[in-house]
Amino acid sequence: MISTPPRSRVLLTGATGFLGRALAAELEARGAEVHALVRASSHTTGLRATCHVVDLLDVARLEPLVAHVDYVIHAAGGGRDPDPAGLWRSNTMTTEALVRAIRDVAARPRSFVFVSSVAACGPLGGSGLVTAYGRAKRAGEAALETLPDETPWTVLRPPGIIGPGDARMLPLFRAARAGVVPFPRGQRALSFVYVDCCARAIADAALLDPPRGGIYYPTDGRIWSPSQVAEALGEAVGTRPRVLRVPRSALKAAATLAELTHRRSSRPLFLTRDKARELVQEDWSCDPSSLQRELGWQPEVDLVEGARRTAAALVDAGLLAPA
């Protein structure tokens, strides 16, 4: 683990999200002074950070904040918004605003870490970017190239993140409990990373002195087939499920229906048409070797153990029936 320089101040976006909370806790455990940029509506209970309510597109408001920290970690943004414009705003425009704010001040952070996504490079062996989310993340990465030399940048592109505190995989755990786990027809290779391991990789990249820069892929080091994922989920909930291959047309239809239903509901949206375009790709595997080699990072939890811990947390929360 890379140590934290004394009294380091870290500006963190996305701190109230699934990964962001784990990251705030990781930074605080290393002795960093964490300053979280949050919305007025954010749930900050239990967050280990000093919170600042701010619009991430307000450059003038961001300037004094970036001028008084040593490191910036931009972990806000995500892929749940069914509107491509919303994806662009939360993933690209917020990054551009932070970069402009840093350029406009004299006292600049020592490094900038952007939490992107494997979607920003497209599926392995594919034909490039396949989702609006991936294009938005890639454009956010491109904005980093205009940062001043005093603020070197690093990008992390996590694959699927698993761990307690996120309900996105709840439908798959429930399916595994029922004995059948659906996967798109043709999908054959996936990578995963446990949330705490991912948070540690991001903190390592941010606090490295001197900053190394580059693009890294934090994963548990294995490439998982759908049958192996189903086995891991089944082991976590006490079943031996089989894989059900879903036609791509059926998945896209389900995504369309989910978006229509979401407009009349306040429930979280787990599947969008953009997400469906991602899921039907064959190979989303990626390689963590450069992260391991250059930063000394090692994943401590694989998908099997991560699924077990996630299932236990879902049971404790009353979202999943006990085995």
C-alpha atoms as a PDB file:
ATOM      1  CA  MET A   1       0.000   0.000   0.000  1.00  0.00           C
ATOM      2  CA  ILE A   2       1.282   3.459  -0.909  1.00  0.00           C
ATOM      3  CA  SER A   3       1.567   5.695   2.163  1.00  0.00           C
ATOM      4  CA  THR A   4      -0.117   9.072   2.403  1.00  0.00           C
ATOM      5  CA  PRO A   5       2.071  12.185   2.702  1.00  0.00           C
ATOM      6  CA  PRO A   6       1.400  14.037   6.002  1.00  0.00           C
ATOM      7  CA  ARG A   7      -1.760  16.173   6.120  1.00  0.00           C
ATOM      8  CA  SER A   8      -2.664  15.400   2.523  1.00  0.00           C
ATOM      9  CA  ARG A   9      -5.917  17.001   1.380  1.00  0.00           C
ATOM     10  CA  VAL A  10      -7.947  15.100  -1.204  1.00  0.00           C
ATOM     11  CA  LEU A  11     -10.864  16.518  -3.170  1.00  0.00           C
ATOM     12  CA  LEU A  12     -13.251  13.665  -3.958  1.00  0.00           C
ATOM     13  CA  THR A  13     -16.314  13.630  -6.188  1.00  0.00           C
ATOM     14  CA  GLY A  14     -18.825  10.790  -6.159  1.00  0.00           C
ATOM     15  CA  ALA A  15     -18.146  10.206  -2.466  1.00  0.00           C
ATOM     16  CA  THR A  16     -21.736   9.260  -1.642  1.00  0.00           C
ATOM     17  CA  GLY A  17     -21.872   6.545  -4.293  1.00  0.00           C
ATOM     18  CA  PHE A  18     -21.103   2.847  -3.953  1.00  0.00           C
ATOM     19  CA  LEU A  19     -17.427   3.104  -4.899  1.00  0.00           C
ATOM     20  CA  GLY A  20     -17.034   6.639  -3.549  1.00  0.00           C
ATOM     21  CA  ARG A  21     -17.921   5.678   0.015  1.00  0.00           C
ATOM     22  CA  ALA A  22     -15.373   2.877  -0.022  1.00  0.00           C
ATOM     23  CA  LEU A  23     -12.813   5.292  -1.457  1.00  0.00           C
ATOM     24  CA  ALA A  24     -13.510   7.949   1.180  1.00  0.00           C
ATOM     25  CA  ALA A  25     -13.059   5.330   3.897  1.00  0.00           C
ATOM     26  CA  GLU A  26      -9.811   4.097   2.315  1.00  0.00           C
ATOM     27  CA  LEU A  27      -8.387   7.622   2.107  1.00  0.00           C
ATOM     28  CA  GLU A  28      -9.435   8.472   5.652  1.00  0.00           C
ATOM     29  CA  ALA A  29      -7.835   5.251   6.925  1.00  0.00           C
ATOM     30  CA  ARG A  30      -4.566   6.394   5.343  1.00  0.00           C
ATOM     31  CA  GLY A  31      -4.702   9.671   7.210  1.00  0.00           C
ATOM     32  CA  ALA A  32      -5.863  11.887   4.341  1.00  0.00           C
ATOM     33  CA  GLU A  33      -8.128  14.882   4.885  1.00  0.00           C
ATOM     34  CA  VAL A  34     -11.019  14.138   2.525  1.00  0.00           C
ATOM     35  CA  HIS A  35     -13.146  16.935   1.069  1.00  0.00           C
ATOM     36  CA  ALA A  36     -16.211  15.571  -0.697  1.00  0.00           C
ATOM     37  CA  LEU A  37     -18.139  17.517  -3.331  1.00  0.00           C
ATOM     38  CA  VAL A  38     -21.794  16.587  -2.913  1.00  0.00           C
ATOM     39  CA  ARG A  39     -25.253  17.639  -4.051  1.00  0.00           C
ATOM     40  CA  ALA A  40     -27.737  19.183  -1.628  1.00  0.00           C
ATOM     41  CA  SER A  41     -29.830  16.021  -1.973  1.00  0.00           C
ATOM     42  CA  SER A  42     -26.916  13.630  -1.285  1.00  0.00           C
ATOM     43  CA  HIS A  43     -27.135  11.212   1.637  1.00  0.00           C
ATOM     44  CA  THR A  44     -23.962  11.960   3.578  1.00  0.00           C
ATOM     45  CA  THR A  45     -24.712  10.076   6.804  1.00  0.00           C
ATOM     46  CA  GLY A  46     -21.691   8.045   7.808  1.00  0.00           C
ATOM     47  CA  LEU A  47     -19.474   9.567   5.121  1.00  0.00           C
ATOM     48  CA  ARG A  48     -15.896  10.003   6.337  1.00  0.00           C
ATOM     49  CA  ALA A  49     -15.272  13.407   4.785  1.00  0.00           C
ATOM     50  CA  THR A  50     -15.831  17.140   5.026  1.00  0.00           C
ATOM     51  CA  CYS A  51     -18.714  17.802   2.637  1.00  0.00           C
ATOM     52  CA  HIS A  52     -19.065  20.791   0.302  1.00  0.00           C
ATOM     53  CA  VAL A  53     -22.375  21.280  -1.500  1.00  0.00           C
ATOM     54  CA  VAL A  54     -21.486  22.346  -5.024  1.00  0.00           C
ATOM     55  CA  ASP A  55     -22.610  22.035  -8.621  1.00  0.00           C
ATOM     56  CA  LEU A  56     -19.846  20.167 -10.449  1.00  0.00           C
ATOM     57  CA  LEU A  57     -20.425  22.338 -13.523  1.00  0.00           C
ATOM     58  CA  ASP A  58     -19.862  25.591 -11.612  1.00  0.00           C
ATOM     59  CA  VAL A  59     -16.221  26.399 -12.446  1.00  0.00           C
ATOM     60  CA  ALA A  60     -16.140  29.551 -10.314  1.00  0.00           C
ATOM     61  CA  ARG A  61     -17.300  27.584  -7.274  1.00  0.00           C
ATOM     62  CA  LEU A  62     -14.811  24.793  -7.977  1.00  0.00           C
ATOM     63  CA  GLU A  63     -11.769  27.063  -8.260  1.00  0.00           C
ATOM     64  CA  PRO A  64     -11.223  27.809  -4.531  1.00  0.00           C
ATOM     65  CA  LEU A  65     -11.793  24.144  -3.731  1.00  0.00           C
ATOM     66  CA  VAL A  66      -9.214  22.744  -6.165  1.00  0.00           C
ATOM     67  CA  ALA A  67      -6.737  25.445  -5.109  1.00  0.00           C
ATOM     68  CA  HIS A  68      -6.650  24.211  -1.517  1.00  0.00           C
ATOM     69  CA  VAL A  69      -6.099  20.467  -1.986  1.00  0.00           C
ATOM     70  CA  ASP A  70      -3.147  18.293  -2.862  1.00  0.00           C
ATOM     71  CA  TYR A  71      -4.999  15.694  -4.941  1.00  0.00           C
ATOM     72  CA  VAL A  72      -8.222  15.489  -6.943  1.00  0.00           C
ATOM     73  CA  ILE A  73     -10.076  12.202  -7.470  1.00  0.00           C
ATOM     74  CA  HIS A  74     -13.047  12.462  -9.815  1.00  0.00           C
ATOM     75  CA  ALA A  75     -15.206   9.417  -9.127  1.00  0.00           C
ATOM     76  CA  ALA A  76     -18.609  10.956  -9.883  1.00  0.00           C
ATOM     77  CA  GLY A  77     -20.664  10.016 -12.896  1.00  0.00           C
ATOM     78  CA  GLY A  78     -22.130   6.684 -13.884  1.00  0.00           C
ATOM     79  CA  GLY A  79     -24.030   4.768 -16.493  1.00  0.00           C
ATOM     80  CA  ARG A  80     -27.550   4.511 -15.103  1.00  0.00           C
ATOM     81  CA  ASP A  81     -29.005   7.588 -16.799  1.00  0.00           C
ATOM     82  CA  PRO A  82     -31.147   6.499 -19.786  1.00  0.00           C
ATOM     83  CA  ASP A  83     -30.575   9.907 -21.421  1.00  0.00           C
ATOM     84  CA  PRO A  84     -27.296  10.204 -23.410  1.00  0.00           C
ATOM     85  CA  ALA A  85     -27.260  13.912 -22.626  1.00  0.00           C
ATOM     86  CA  GLY A  86     -27.342  13.098 -18.934  1.00  0.00           C
ATOM     87  CA  LEU A  87     -24.444  10.670 -19.333  1.00  0.00           C
ATOM     88  CA  TRP A  88     -22.451  13.354 -21.150  1.00  0.00           C
ATOM     89  CA  ARG A  89     -23.216  15.946 -18.488  1.00  0.00           C
ATOM     90  CA  SER A  90     -22.282  13.763 -15.500  1.00  0.00           C
ATOM     91  CA  ASN A  91     -19.208  12.085 -16.990  1.00  0.00           C
ATOM     92  CA  THR A  92     -17.729  14.509 -19.537  1.00  0.00           C
ATOM     93  CA  MET A  93     -18.847  18.009 -18.647  1.00  0.00           C
ATOM     94  CA  THR A  94     -18.047  17.604 -14.946  1.00  0.00           C
ATOM     95  CA  THR A  95     -14.513  16.496 -15.845  1.00  0.00           C
ATOM     96  CA  GLU A  96     -14.100  19.448 -18.192  1.00  0.00           C
ATOM     97  CA  ALA A  97     -15.274  21.818 -15.433  1.00  0.00           C
ATOM     98  CA  LEU A  98     -12.769  20.445 -12.918  1.00  0.00           C
ATOM     99  CA  VAL A  99      -9.972  20.715 -15.468  1.00  0.00           C
ATOM    100  CA  ARG A 100     -10.899  24.336 -16.263  1.00  0.00           C
ATOM    101  CA  ALA A 101     -10.981  25.158 -12.553  1.00  0.00           C
ATOM    102  CA  ILE A 102      -7.466  23.734 -12.073  1.00  0.00           C
ATOM    103  CA  ARG A 103      -6.149  25.645 -15.085  1.00  0.00           C
ATOM    104  CA  ASP A 104      -7.592  28.883 -13.702  1.00  0.00           C
ATOM    105  CA  VAL A 105      -5.883  28.806 -10.299  1.00  0.00           C
ATOM    106  CA  ALA A 106      -2.271  29.414  -9.314  1.00  0.00           C
ATOM    107  CA  ALA A 107      -2.031  26.774  -6.582  1.00  0.00           C
ATOM    108  CA  ARG A 108      -2.680  23.506  -8.363  1.00  0.00           C
ATOM    109  CA  PRO A 109      -3.186  19.935  -7.138  1.00  0.00           C
ATOM    110  CA  ARG A 110      -0.242  17.544  -7.365  1.00  0.00           C
ATOM    111  CA  SER A 111      -2.246  14.979  -9.319  1.00  0.00           C
ATOM    112  CA  PHE A 112      -5.666  14.245 -10.813  1.00  0.00           C
ATOM    113  CA  VAL A 113      -7.184  10.763 -10.905  1.00  0.00           C
ATOM    114  CA  PHE A 114     -10.181  10.108 -13.126  1.00  0.00           C
ATOM    115  CA  VAL A 115     -12.287   7.044 -12.403  1.00  0.00           C
ATOM    116  CA  SER A 116     -13.410   6.030 -15.865  1.00  0.00           C
ATOM    117  CA  SER A 117     -14.716   2.629 -16.985  1.00  0.00           C
ATOM    118  CA  VAL A 118     -13.724  -0.310 -19.138  1.00  0.00           C
ATOM    119  CA  ALA A 119     -16.568   0.944 -21.347  1.00  0.00           C
ATOM    120  CA  ALA A 120     -14.230   3.781 -22.388  1.00  0.00           C
ATOM    121  CA  CYS A 121     -12.056   1.376 -24.374  1.00  0.00           C
ATOM    122  CA  GLY A 122     -14.814  -0.821 -25.776  1.00  0.00           C
ATOM    123  CA  PRO A 123     -15.021  -4.618 -25.676  1.00  0.00           C
ATOM    124  CA  LEU A 124     -11.893  -6.659 -26.306  1.00  0.00           C
ATOM    125  CA  GLY A 125     -11.622  -7.493 -29.988  1.00  0.00           C
ATOM    126  CA  GLY A 126     -14.637  -5.303 -30.737  1.00  0.00           C
ATOM    127  CA  SER A 127     -15.173  -2.428 -33.107  1.00  0.00           C
ATOM    128  CA  GLY A 128     -14.602   0.435 -30.662  1.00  0.00           C
ATOM    129  CA  LEU A 129     -16.918   2.265 -28.313  1.00  0.00           C
ATOM    130  CA  VAL A 130     -20.388   0.743 -28.245  1.00  0.00           C
ATOM    131  CA  THR A 131     -22.252   2.808 -25.654  1.00  0.00           C
ATOM    132  CA  ALA A 132     -23.055   6.445 -24.939  1.00  0.00           C
ATOM    133  CA  TYR A 133     -21.619   5.873 -21.468  1.00  0.00           C
ATOM    134  CA  GLY A 134     -18.323   4.668 -22.920  1.00  0.00           C
ATOM    135  CA  ARG A 135     -18.139   7.653 -25.269  1.00  0.00           C
ATOM    136  CA  ALA A 136     -18.834  10.042 -22.390  1.00  0.00           C
ATOM    137  CA  LYS A 137     -16.105   8.497 -20.247  1.00  0.00           C
ATOM    138  CA  ARG A 138     -13.637   8.542 -23.135  1.00  0.00           C
ATOM    139  CA  ALA A 139     -14.372  12.238 -23.741  1.00  0.00           C
ATOM    140  CA  GLY A 140     -13.767  12.869 -20.045  1.00  0.00           C
ATOM    141  CA  GLU A 141     -10.396  11.161 -20.385  1.00  0.00           C
ATOM    142  CA  ALA A 142      -9.564  13.368 -23.372  1.00  0.00           C
ATOM    143  CA  ALA A 143     -10.265  16.485 -21.298  1.00  0.00           C
ATOM    144  CA  LEU A 144      -7.432  15.526 -18.962  1.00  0.00           C
ATOM    145  CA  GLU A 145      -4.908  16.189 -21.712  1.00  0.00           C
ATOM    146  CA  THR A 146      -5.448  19.933 -21.235  1.00  0.00           C
ATOM    147  CA  LEU A 147      -4.433  19.860 -17.555  1.00  0.00           C
ATOM    148  CA  PRO A 148      -1.337  21.931 -16.767  1.00  0.00           C
ATOM    149  CA  ASP A 149       1.962  20.101 -16.451  1.00  0.00           C
ATOM    150  CA  GLU A 150       1.987  20.687 -12.688  1.00  0.00           C
ATOM    151  CA  THR A 151      -1.025  18.368 -12.359  1.00  0.00           C
ATOM    152  CA  PRO A 152      -0.260  15.008 -13.979  1.00  0.00           C
ATOM    153  CA  TRP A 153      -3.232  12.726 -14.477  1.00  0.00           C
ATOM    154  CA  THR A 154      -4.044   9.029 -14.136  1.00  0.00           C
ATOM    155  CA  VAL A 155      -7.056   7.085 -15.393  1.00  0.00           C
ATOM    156  CA  LEU A 156      -8.494   3.922 -13.884  1.00  0.00           C
ATOM    157  CA  ARG A 157     -10.942   1.875 -15.937  1.00  0.00           C
ATOM    158  CA  PRO A 158     -12.691  -0.564 -13.596  1.00  0.00           C
ATOM    159  CA  PRO A 159     -14.796  -3.428 -14.987  1.00  0.00           C
ATOM    160  CA  GLY A 160     -17.847  -4.672 -13.057  1.00  0.00           C
ATOM    161  CA  ILE A 161     -17.511  -3.697  -9.388  1.00  0.00           C
ATOM    162  CA  ILE A 162     -18.976  -6.011  -6.764  1.00  0.00           C
ATOM    163  CA  GLY A 163     -19.336  -5.606  -3.025  1.00  0.00           C
ATOM    164  CA  PRO A 164     -21.632  -4.690  -0.125  1.00  0.00           C
ATOM    165  CA  GLY A 165     -23.457  -1.416  -0.490  1.00  0.00           C
ATOM    166  CA  ASP A 166     -24.628  -1.758  -4.094  1.00  0.00           C
ATOM    167  CA  ALA A 167     -27.915  -3.305  -5.176  1.00  0.00           C
ATOM    168  CA  ARG A 168     -27.206  -3.461  -8.918  1.00  0.00           C
ATOM    169  CA  MET A 169     -26.407  -7.163  -8.787  1.00  0.00           C
ATOM    170  CA  LEU A 170     -29.406  -7.977  -6.591  1.00  0.00           C
ATOM    171  CA  PRO A 171     -31.454  -9.300  -9.554  1.00  0.00           C
ATOM    172  CA  LEU A 172     -28.629 -11.722 -10.416  1.00  0.00           C
ATOM    173  CA  PHE A 173     -28.364 -12.969  -6.836  1.00  0.00           C
ATOM    174  CA  ARG A 174     -32.122 -13.509  -6.749  1.00  0.00           C
ATOM    175  CA  ALA A 175     -31.929 -15.331 -10.065  1.00  0.00           C
ATOM    176  CA  ALA A 176     -29.143 -17.532  -8.709  1.00  0.00           C
ATOM    177  CA  ARG A 177     -31.291 -18.304  -5.677  1.00  0.00           C
ATOM    178  CA  ALA A 178     -34.058 -19.346  -8.089  1.00  0.00           C
ATOM    179  CA  GLY A 179     -31.624 -21.635  -9.942  1.00  0.00           C
ATOM    180  CA  VAL A 180     -31.206 -19.809 -13.259  1.00  0.00           C
ATOM    181  CA  VAL A 181     -28.821 -16.934 -14.039  1.00  0.00           C
ATOM    182  CA  PRO A 182     -29.506 -15.083 -17.323  1.00  0.00           C
ATOM    183  CA  PHE A 183     -26.677 -13.988 -19.613  1.00  0.00           C
ATOM    184  CA  PRO A 184     -26.877 -12.485 -23.097  1.00  0.00           C
ATOM    185  CA  ARG A 185     -26.336 -14.932 -25.901  1.00  0.00           C
ATOM    186  CA  GLY A 186     -22.733 -14.704 -27.141  1.00  0.00           C
ATOM    187  CA  GLN A 187     -21.230 -13.169 -23.996  1.00  0.00           C
ATOM    188  CA  ARG A 188     -18.187 -15.216 -23.022  1.00  0.00           C
ATOM    189  CA  ALA A 189     -15.624 -13.266 -20.966  1.00  0.00           C
ATOM    190  CA  LEU A 190     -15.916 -10.823 -18.067  1.00  0.00           C
ATOM    191  CA  SER A 191     -13.700  -9.141 -15.489  1.00  0.00           C
ATOM    192  CA  PHE A 192     -14.657  -8.033 -11.990  1.00  0.00           C
ATOM    193  CA  VAL A 193     -13.116  -6.164  -9.076  1.00  0.00           C
ATOM    194  CA  TYR A 194     -14.139  -6.046  -5.427  1.00  0.00           C
ATOM    195  CA  VAL A 195     -15.115  -2.560  -4.284  1.00  0.00           C
ATOM    196  CA  ASP A 196     -12.509  -2.231  -1.525  1.00  0.00           C
ATOM    197  CA  CYS A 197      -9.756  -3.490  -3.833  1.00  0.00           C
ATOM    198  CA  CYS A 198     -10.800  -0.932  -6.446  1.00  0.00           C
ATOM    199  CA  ALA A 199     -10.796   1.849  -3.857  1.00  0.00           C
ATOM    200  CA  ARG A 200      -7.290   0.855  -2.799  1.00  0.00           C
ATOM    201  CA  ALA A 201      -6.080   0.947  -6.417  1.00  0.00           C
ATOM    202  CA  ILE A 202      -7.498   4.450  -6.902  1.00  0.00           C
ATOM    203  CA  ALA A 203      -5.948   5.698  -3.664  1.00  0.00           C
ATOM    204  CA  ASP A 204      -2.596   4.178  -4.659  1.00  0.00           C
ATOM    205  CA  ALA A 205      -2.715   5.927  -8.036  1.00  0.00           C
ATOM    206  CA  ALA A 206      -3.657   9.263  -6.482  1.00  0.00           C
ATOM    207  CA  LEU A 207      -1.115   9.305  -3.661  1.00  0.00           C
ATOM    208  CA  LEU A 208       1.893   7.952  -5.535  1.00  0.00           C
ATOM    209  CA  ASP A 209       4.797  10.381  -5.223  1.00  0.00           C
ATOM    210  CA  PRO A 210       5.926  11.305  -7.767  1.00  0.00           C
ATOM    211  CA  PRO A 211       2.766  10.634  -9.801  1.00  0.00           C
ATOM    212  CA  ARG A 212       3.297   8.040 -12.506  1.00  0.00           C
ATOM    213  CA  GLY A 213       0.331   8.715 -14.797  1.00  0.00           C
ATOM    214  CA  GLY A 214      -1.130   6.255 -17.260  1.00  0.00           C
ATOM    215  CA  ILE A 215      -4.262   4.162 -17.729  1.00  0.00           C
ATOM    216  CA  TYR A 216      -4.886   1.171 -15.476  1.00  0.00           C
ATOM    217  CA  TYR A 217      -7.424  -1.647 -15.172  1.00  0.00           C
ATOM    218  CA  PRO A 218      -8.107  -2.827 -11.611  1.00  0.00           C
ATOM    219  CA  THR A 219      -9.499  -6.385 -11.691  1.00  0.00           C
ATOM    220  CA  ASP A 220      -9.285  -9.486  -9.515  1.00  0.00           C
ATOM    221  CA  GLY A 221      -6.808 -10.913 -12.017  1.00  0.00           C
ATOM    222  CA  ARG A 222      -9.079 -13.542 -13.512  1.00  0.00           C
ATOM    223  CA  ILE A 223     -11.227 -13.749 -16.634  1.00  0.00           C
ATOM    224  CA  TRP A 224     -14.645 -15.215 -15.858  1.00  0.00           C
ATOM    225  CA  SER A 225     -17.002 -17.075 -18.159  1.00  0.00           C
ATOM    226  CA  PRO A 226     -20.770 -16.758 -17.611  1.00  0.00           C
ATOM    227  CA  SER A 227     -20.896 -20.283 -16.192  1.00  0.00           C
ATOM    228  CA  GLN A 228     -18.155 -19.411 -13.681  1.00  0.00           C
ATOM    229  CA  VAL A 229     -19.987 -16.229 -12.674  1.00  0.00           C
ATOM    230  CA  ALA A 230     -23.185 -18.218 -12.173  1.00  0.00           C
ATOM    231  CA  GLU A 231     -21.270 -20.748 -10.083  1.00  0.00           C
ATOM    232  CA  ALA A 232     -19.821 -17.970  -7.903  1.00  0.00           C
ATOM    233  CA  LEU A 233     -23.247 -16.406  -7.376  1.00  0.00           C
ATOM    234  CA  GLY A 234     -24.759 -19.794  -6.642  1.00  0.00           C
ATOM    235  CA  GLU A 235     -22.081 -20.612  -4.101  1.00  0.00           C
ATOM    236  CA  ALA A 236     -22.832 -17.314  -2.375  1.00  0.00           C
ATOM    237  CA  VAL A 237     -26.549 -18.084  -2.029  1.00  0.00           C
ATOM    238  CA  GLY A 238     -26.344 -21.847  -1.553  1.00  0.00           C
ATOM    239  CA  THR A 239     -27.533 -23.076  -4.958  1.00  0.00           C
ATOM    240  CA  ARG A 240     -26.101 -24.566  -8.148  1.00  0.00           C
ATOM    241  CA  PRO A 241     -27.759 -22.464 -10.863  1.00  0.00           C
ATOM    242  CA  ARG A 242     -27.591 -23.014 -14.585  1.00  0.00           C
ATOM    243  CA  VAL A 243     -26.951 -20.340 -17.195  1.00  0.00           C
ATOM    244  CA  LEU A 244     -29.891 -19.206 -19.296  1.00  0.00           C
ATOM    245  CA  ARG A 245     -28.812 -17.621 -22.577  1.00  0.00           C
ATOM    246  CA  VAL A 246     -31.047 -14.657 -23.400  1.00  0.00           C
ATOM    247  CA  PRO A 247     -31.439 -13.517 -27.029  1.00  0.00           C
ATOM    248  CA  ARG A 248     -30.102 -10.031 -27.636  1.00  0.00           C
ATOM    249  CA  SER A 249     -33.463  -8.884 -28.951  1.00  0.00           C
ATOM    250  CA  ALA A 250     -35.129  -9.973 -25.705  1.00  0.00           C
ATOM    251  CA  LEU A 251     -32.582  -8.083 -23.590  1.00  0.00           C
ATOM    252  CA  LYS A 252     -33.044  -4.907 -25.625  1.00  0.00           C
ATOM    253  CA  ALA A 253     -36.824  -5.208 -25.332  1.00  0.00           C
ATOM    254  CA  ALA A 254     -36.520  -5.655 -21.569  1.00  0.00           C
ATOM    255  CA  ALA A 255     -34.341  -2.547 -21.376  1.00  0.00           C
ATOM    256  CA  THR A 256     -36.869  -0.504 -23.337  1.00  0.00           C
ATOM    257  CA  LEU A 257     -39.647  -1.667 -21.014  1.00  0.00           C
ATOM    258  CA  ALA A 258     -37.521  -0.902 -17.947  1.00  0.00           C
ATOM    259  CA  GLU A 259     -36.957   2.672 -19.117  1.00  0.00           C
ATOM    260  CA  LEU A 260     -40.665   3.194 -19.782  1.00  0.00           C
ATOM    261  CA  THR A 261     -41.549   1.819 -16.360  1.00  0.00           C
ATOM    262  CA  HIS A 262     -38.884   3.929 -14.677  1.00  0.00           C
ATOM    263  CA  ARG A 263     -40.531   7.137 -15.901  1.00  0.00           C
ATOM    264  CA  ARG A 264     -43.520   6.348 -13.691  1.00  0.00           C
ATOM    265  CA  SER A 265     -41.560   5.028 -10.719  1.00  0.00           C
ATOM    266  CA  SER A 266     -38.966   6.212  -8.201  1.00  0.00           C
ATOM    267  CA  ARG A 267     -37.303   2.797  -8.076  1.00  0.00           C
ATOM    268  CA  PRO A 268     -33.626   2.498  -9.178  1.00  0.00           C
ATOM    269  CA  LEU A 269     -33.090   1.756 -12.860  1.00  0.00           C
ATOM    270  CA  PHE A 270     -30.825  -1.277 -13.302  1.00  0.00           C
ATOM    271  CA  LEU A 271     -31.186  -1.829 -17.044  1.00  0.00           C
ATOM    272  CA  THR A 272     -31.186   0.772 -19.823  1.00  0.00           C
ATOM    273  CA  ARG A 273     -30.936   0.423 -23.584  1.00  0.00           C
ATOM    274  CA  ASP A 274     -27.384   1.755 -23.367  1.00  0.00           C
ATOM    275  CA  LYS A 275     -26.535  -0.853 -20.722  1.00  0.00           C
ATOM    276  CA  ALA A 276     -28.082  -3.538 -22.904  1.00  0.00           C
ATOM    277  CA  ARG A 277     -25.759  -2.530 -25.763  1.00  0.00           C
ATOM    278  CA  GLU A 278     -22.878  -3.093 -23.360  1.00  0.00           C
ATOM    279  CA  LEU A 279     -24.120  -6.431 -22.062  1.00  0.00           C
ATOM    280  CA  VAL A 280     -24.515  -8.055 -25.476  1.00  0.00           C
ATOM    281  CA  GLN A 281     -20.798  -7.674 -26.276  1.00  0.00           C
ATOM    282  CA  GLU A 282     -18.740 -10.862 -26.192  1.00  0.00           C
ATOM    283  CA  ASP A 283     -15.624  -9.916 -24.239  1.00  0.00           C
ATOM    284  CA  TRP A 284     -15.313  -7.351 -21.456  1.00  0.00           C
ATOM    285  CA  SER A 285     -12.171  -8.839 -19.928  1.00  0.00           C
ATOM    286  CA  CYS A 286      -9.194  -6.641 -19.073  1.00  0.00           C
ATOM    287  CA  ASP A 287      -5.670  -6.975 -17.720  1.00  0.00           C
ATOM    288  CA  PRO A 288      -4.477  -5.548 -14.353  1.00  0.00           C
ATOM    289  CA  SER A 289      -0.808  -6.439 -14.862  1.00  0.00           C
ATOM    290  CA  SER A 290       0.444  -2.867 -15.474  1.00  0.00           C
ATOM    291  CA  LEU A 291      -1.270  -1.697 -12.272  1.00  0.00           C
ATOM    292  CA  GLN A 292       0.328  -4.563 -10.359  1.00  0.00           C
ATOM    293  CA  ARG A 293       3.730  -4.028 -11.905  1.00  0.00           C
ATOM    294  CA  GLU A 294       3.959  -0.234 -11.721  1.00  0.00           C
ATOM    295  CA  LEU A 295       2.085   0.535  -8.490  1.00  0.00           C
ATOM    296  CA  GLY A 296       2.563  -2.742  -6.639  1.00  0.00           C
ATOM    297  CA  TRP A 297      -1.190  -3.132  -6.218  1.00  0.00           C
ATOM    298  CA  GLN A 298      -2.619  -6.621  -5.681  1.00  0.00           C
ATOM    299  CA  PRO A 299      -6.289  -7.666  -5.519  1.00  0.00           C
ATOM    300  CA  GLU A 300      -7.045  -9.397  -2.223  1.00  0.00           C
ATOM    301  CA  VAL A 301     -10.611 -10.497  -2.968  1.00  0.00           C
ATOM    302  CA  ASP A 302     -11.787 -12.363  -6.066  1.00  0.00           C
ATOM    303  CA  LEU A 303     -15.284 -12.709  -7.487  1.00  0.00           C
ATOM    304  CA  VAL A 304     -16.107 -15.810  -5.435  1.00  0.00           C
ATOM    305  CA  GLU A 305     -15.289 -14.191  -2.094  1.00  0.00           C
ATOM    306  CA  GLY A 306     -16.732 -10.857  -3.241  1.00  0.00           C
ATOM    307  CA  ALA A 307     -20.020 -12.513  -4.165  1.00  0.00           C
ATOM    308  CA  ARG A 308     -20.149 -14.238  -0.785  1.00  0.00           C
ATOM    309  CA  ARG A 309     -19.629 -10.947   1.067  1.00  0.00           C
ATOM    310  CA  THR A 310     -22.147  -9.134  -1.127  1.00  0.00           C
ATOM    311  CA  ALA A 311     -24.803 -11.811  -0.654  1.00  0.00           C
ATOM    312  CA  ALA A 312     -24.296 -11.723   3.116  1.00  0.00           C
ATOM    313  CA  ALA A 313     -24.769  -7.947   3.118  1.00  0.00           C
ATOM    314  CA  LEU A 314     -27.929  -8.227   1.005  1.00  0.00           C
ATOM    315  CA  VAL A 315     -29.324 -10.797   3.458  1.00  0.00           C
ATOM    316  CA  ASP A 316     -28.476  -8.547   6.414  1.00  0.00           C
ATOM    317  CA  ALA A 317     -30.258  -5.657   4.667  1.00  0.00           C
ATOM    318  CA  GLY A 318     -33.373  -7.767   4.147  1.00  0.00           C
ATOM    319  CA  LEU A 319     -33.080  -7.596   0.359  1.00  0.00           C
ATOM    320  CA  LEU A 320     -32.223 -11.268  -0.147  1.00  0.00           C
ATOM    321  CA  ALA A 321     -33.729 -14.245   1.647  1.00  0.00           C
ATOM    322  CA  PRO A 322     -31.288 -16.295   3.755  1.00  0.00           C
ATOM    323  CA  ALA A 323     -29.980 -19.518   2.250  1.00  0.00           C
END
